[in-house]
């Protein structure tokens, strides 16, 4: 019997502003360890800051953005950053940075930038949608 479920994890919280982004990361890791599937990660509202590759933390502090990037790449997860939320907050992938004549891109390449349609699609194709933040 296959008890594997498809999850979508939606992160609304910025890193370091609360425990929500860290909890989302730990929850996602736990799901993967239990053999579940991640259909999609979706970073929305202030959660887009989790995809910021330009954050520099004091020595000895955990860089949550690097941890997300590593988890996404290691597990080949689909990760989407909401375009409207992102560009308002200066989180730009290469095409958006070029389009707005801003350099460098501030978003990790492990995520793609897209719209809310990706969240709707994820909700329709997941057994569970879990929100953090």
C-alpha atoms as a PDB file:
ATOM      1  CA  UNK A   1       0.000   0.000   0.000  1.00  0.00           C
ATOM      2  CA  UNK A   2       1.363   3.386  -1.050  1.00  0.00           C
ATOM      3  CA  UNK A   3       0.861   6.106   1.563  1.00  0.00           C
ATOM      4  CA  UNK A   4       2.907   8.671  -0.337  1.00  0.00           C
ATOM      5  CA  UNK A   5       1.217  12.045  -0.569  1.00  0.00           C
ATOM      6  CA  UNK A   6       1.875  15.016  -2.826  1.00  0.00           C
ATOM      7  CA  UNK A   7       2.404  18.234  -0.867  1.00  0.00           C
ATOM      8  CA  UNK A   8       2.611  21.867  -1.854  1.00  0.00           C
ATOM      9  CA  UNK A   9       4.303  24.086   0.706  1.00  0.00           C
ATOM     10  CA  UNK A  10       3.447  27.810   0.572  1.00  0.00           C
ATOM     11  CA  UNK A  11       5.732  30.197   2.444  1.00  0.00           C
ATOM     12  CA  UNK A  12       4.356  33.670   3.244  1.00  0.00           C
ATOM     13  CA  UNK A  13       6.940  34.597   5.878  1.00  0.00           C
ATOM     14  CA  UNK A  14      10.297  36.279   5.386  1.00  0.00           C
ATOM     15  CA  UNK A  15      13.301  34.522   6.895  1.00  0.00           C
ATOM     16  CA  UNK A  16      14.237  35.713  10.388  1.00  0.00           C
ATOM     17  CA  UNK A  17      11.011  37.698  10.960  1.00  0.00           C
ATOM     18  CA  UNK A  18       9.381  34.727  12.680  1.00  0.00           C
ATOM     19  CA  UNK A  19       9.894  30.975  12.961  1.00  0.00           C
ATOM     20  CA  UNK A  20       7.526  30.330  10.038  1.00  0.00           C
ATOM     21  CA  UNK A  21      10.128  30.110   7.237  1.00  0.00           C
ATOM     22  CA  UNK A  22      12.387  27.865   9.331  1.00  0.00           C
ATOM     23  CA  UNK A  23       9.387  25.703  10.238  1.00  0.00           C
ATOM     24  CA  UNK A  24       8.472  25.426   6.541  1.00  0.00           C
ATOM     25  CA  UNK A  25      12.025  24.322   5.698  1.00  0.00           C
ATOM     26  CA  UNK A  26      12.068  21.724   8.481  1.00  0.00           C
ATOM     27  CA  UNK A  27       8.585  20.491   7.531  1.00  0.00           C
ATOM     28  CA  UNK A  28       9.650  20.091   3.890  1.00  0.00           C
ATOM     29  CA  UNK A  29      12.775  18.157   4.937  1.00  0.00           C
ATOM     30  CA  UNK A  30      10.663  15.886   7.173  1.00  0.00           C
ATOM     31  CA  UNK A  31       8.203  15.177   4.349  1.00  0.00           C
ATOM     32  CA  UNK A  32      11.049  14.183   2.036  1.00  0.00           C
ATOM     33  CA  UNK A  33      12.620  11.971   4.723  1.00  0.00           C
ATOM     34  CA  UNK A  34       9.256  10.205   5.148  1.00  0.00           C
ATOM     35  CA  UNK A  35       9.113   9.520   1.405  1.00  0.00           C
ATOM     36  CA  UNK A  36       6.416  12.019   0.478  1.00  0.00           C
ATOM     37  CA  UNK A  37       6.526  14.060  -2.726  1.00  0.00           C
ATOM     38  CA  UNK A  38       6.802  17.840  -2.917  1.00  0.00           C
ATOM     39  CA  UNK A  39       4.701  18.922  -5.883  1.00  0.00           C
ATOM     40  CA  UNK A  40       5.799  22.520  -5.577  1.00  0.00           C
ATOM     41  CA  UNK A  41       7.218  25.092  -3.191  1.00  0.00           C
ATOM     42  CA  UNK A  42       5.572  28.475  -3.595  1.00  0.00           C
ATOM     43  CA  UNK A  43       7.049  31.618  -2.068  1.00  0.00           C
ATOM     44  CA  UNK A  44       4.465  34.382  -1.780  1.00  0.00           C
ATOM     45  CA  UNK A  45       4.234  37.849  -0.209  1.00  0.00           C
ATOM     46  CA  UNK A  46       7.200  38.396   2.175  1.00  0.00           C
ATOM     47  CA  UNK A  47       8.094  34.721   1.683  1.00  0.00           C
ATOM     48  CA  UNK A  48       9.862  35.689  -1.554  1.00  0.00           C
ATOM     49  CA  UNK A  49      12.767  36.901   0.603  1.00  0.00           C
ATOM     50  CA  UNK A  50      13.637  33.214   1.126  1.00  0.00           C
ATOM     51  CA  UNK A  51      14.889  33.153  -2.482  1.00  0.00           C
ATOM     52  CA  UNK A  52      17.218  36.159  -2.025  1.00  0.00           C
ATOM     53  CA  UNK A  53      20.785  35.107  -2.809  1.00  0.00           C
ATOM     54  CA  UNK A  54      22.272  38.457  -1.732  1.00  0.00           C
ATOM     55  CA  UNK A  55      21.609  38.070   2.000  1.00  0.00           C
ATOM     56  CA  UNK A  56      24.793  38.035   4.095  1.00  0.00           C
ATOM     57  CA  UNK A  57      24.579  36.816   7.675  1.00  0.00           C
ATOM     58  CA  UNK A  58      26.944  37.310  10.596  1.00  0.00           C
ATOM     59  CA  UNK A  59      29.424  34.497  11.135  1.00  0.00           C
ATOM     60  CA  UNK A  60      27.850  31.561  12.951  1.00  0.00           C
ATOM     61  CA  UNK A  61      24.263  32.406  12.024  1.00  0.00           C
ATOM     62  CA  UNK A  62      22.261  30.080   9.798  1.00  0.00           C
ATOM     63  CA  UNK A  63      21.642  31.410   6.278  1.00  0.00           C
ATOM     64  CA  UNK A  64      18.081  30.237   5.692  1.00  0.00           C
ATOM     65  CA  UNK A  65      18.120  31.339   2.043  1.00  0.00           C
ATOM     66  CA  UNK A  66      21.165  29.138   1.347  1.00  0.00           C
ATOM     67  CA  UNK A  67      19.456  26.246   3.127  1.00  0.00           C
ATOM     68  CA  UNK A  68      16.362  26.597   0.925  1.00  0.00           C
ATOM     69  CA  UNK A  69      18.541  26.779  -2.199  1.00  0.00           C
ATOM     70  CA  UNK A  70      20.459  23.676  -1.153  1.00  0.00           C
ATOM     71  CA  UNK A  71      17.290  21.705  -0.327  1.00  0.00           C
ATOM     72  CA  UNK A  72      15.695  22.670  -3.651  1.00  0.00           C
ATOM     73  CA  UNK A  73      18.784  21.725  -5.691  1.00  0.00           C
ATOM     74  CA  UNK A  74      19.630  18.539  -3.754  1.00  0.00           C
ATOM     75  CA  UNK A  75      16.095  17.163  -4.092  1.00  0.00           C
ATOM     76  CA  UNK A  76      15.355  18.654  -7.537  1.00  0.00           C
ATOM     77  CA  UNK A  77      12.244  20.375  -6.190  1.00  0.00           C
ATOM     78  CA  UNK A  78      10.064  22.699  -8.183  1.00  0.00           C
ATOM     79  CA  UNK A  79      10.209  26.087  -6.503  1.00  0.00           C
ATOM     80  CA  UNK A  80       8.188  29.086  -7.624  1.00  0.00           C
ATOM     81  CA  UNK A  81       8.538  32.690  -6.477  1.00  0.00           C
ATOM     82  CA  UNK A  82       5.467  34.878  -7.058  1.00  0.00           C
ATOM     83  CA  UNK A  83       6.456  37.481  -9.653  1.00  0.00           C
ATOM     84  CA  UNK A  84       4.334  40.343  -8.282  1.00  0.00           C
ATOM     85  CA  UNK A  85       5.479  39.784  -4.693  1.00  0.00           C
ATOM     86  CA  UNK A  86       9.089  39.376  -5.822  1.00  0.00           C
ATOM     87  CA  UNK A  87       9.648  42.412  -8.029  1.00  0.00           C
ATOM     88  CA  UNK A  88       7.996  44.701  -5.440  1.00  0.00           C
ATOM     89  CA  UNK A  89      10.594  43.461  -2.933  1.00  0.00           C
ATOM     90  CA  UNK A  90      13.640  43.542  -5.211  1.00  0.00           C
ATOM     91  CA  UNK A  91      13.835  39.779  -5.695  1.00  0.00           C
ATOM     92  CA  UNK A  92      14.660  39.527  -9.393  1.00  0.00           C
ATOM     93  CA  UNK A  93      15.791  36.660 -11.589  1.00  0.00           C
ATOM     94  CA  UNK A  94      18.090  37.370 -14.566  1.00  0.00           C
ATOM     95  CA  UNK A  95      15.324  38.205 -17.103  1.00  0.00           C
ATOM     96  CA  UNK A  96      13.516  40.534 -14.660  1.00  0.00           C
ATOM     97  CA  UNK A  97      16.783  42.223 -13.630  1.00  0.00           C
ATOM     98  CA  UNK A  98      17.611  42.863 -17.307  1.00  0.00           C
ATOM     99  CA  UNK A  99      14.080  44.001 -18.128  1.00  0.00           C
ATOM    100  CA  UNK A 100      14.200  46.627 -15.364  1.00  0.00           C
ATOM    101  CA  UNK A 101      17.838  47.524 -16.069  1.00  0.00           C
ATOM    102  CA  UNK A 102      18.938  46.369 -12.611  1.00  0.00           C
ATOM    103  CA  UNK A 103      22.030  44.310 -11.949  1.00  0.00           C
ATOM    104  CA  UNK A 104      22.733  41.806 -10.542  1.00  0.00           C
ATOM    105  CA  UNK A 105      19.863  39.351 -10.260  1.00  0.00           C
ATOM    106  CA  UNK A 106      19.053  38.848  -6.586  1.00  0.00           C
ATOM    107  CA  UNK A 107      17.160  35.548  -6.817  1.00  0.00           C
ATOM    108  CA  UNK A 108      18.595  32.061  -6.509  1.00  0.00           C
ATOM    109  CA  UNK A 109      18.447  30.246  -9.842  1.00  0.00           C
ATOM    110  CA  UNK A 110      17.022  27.174  -8.088  1.00  0.00           C
ATOM    111  CA  UNK A 111      13.612  28.879  -8.137  1.00  0.00           C
ATOM    112  CA  UNK A 112      11.595  30.160 -11.059  1.00  0.00           C
ATOM    113  CA  UNK A 113       9.562  33.344 -11.107  1.00  0.00           C
ATOM    114  CA  UNK A 114       5.911  32.948 -12.065  1.00  0.00           C
ATOM    115  CA  UNK A 115       2.366  33.919 -11.227  1.00  0.00           C
ATOM    116  CA  UNK A 116      -0.463  32.755  -9.005  1.00  0.00           C
ATOM    117  CA  UNK A 117      -1.584  30.279 -11.670  1.00  0.00           C
ATOM    118  CA  UNK A 118       1.244  28.062 -10.426  1.00  0.00           C
ATOM    119  CA  UNK A 119      -0.278  28.089  -6.937  1.00  0.00           C
ATOM    120  CA  UNK A 120      -3.729  27.216  -8.284  1.00  0.00           C
ATOM    121  CA  UNK A 121      -2.218  24.391 -10.355  1.00  0.00           C
ATOM    122  CA  UNK A 122      -0.345  23.149  -7.285  1.00  0.00           C
ATOM    123  CA  UNK A 123      -3.515  23.141  -5.167  1.00  0.00           C
ATOM    124  CA  UNK A 124      -5.339  21.123  -7.834  1.00  0.00           C
ATOM    125  CA  UNK A 125      -2.491  18.597  -8.124  1.00  0.00           C
ATOM    126  CA  UNK A 126      -1.555  18.129  -4.472  1.00  0.00           C
ATOM    127  CA  UNK A 127      -3.120  15.995  -1.768  1.00  0.00           C
ATOM    128  CA  UNK A 128      -2.271  18.707   0.781  1.00  0.00           C
ATOM    129  CA  UNK A 129      -1.372  22.412   0.641  1.00  0.00           C
ATOM    130  CA  UNK A 130       0.379  23.587   3.802  1.00  0.00           C
ATOM    131  CA  UNK A 131       0.839  27.316   4.461  1.00  0.00           C
ATOM    132  CA  UNK A 132       3.507  28.902   6.645  1.00  0.00           C
ATOM    133  CA  UNK A 133       3.428  32.527   7.757  1.00  0.00           C
END
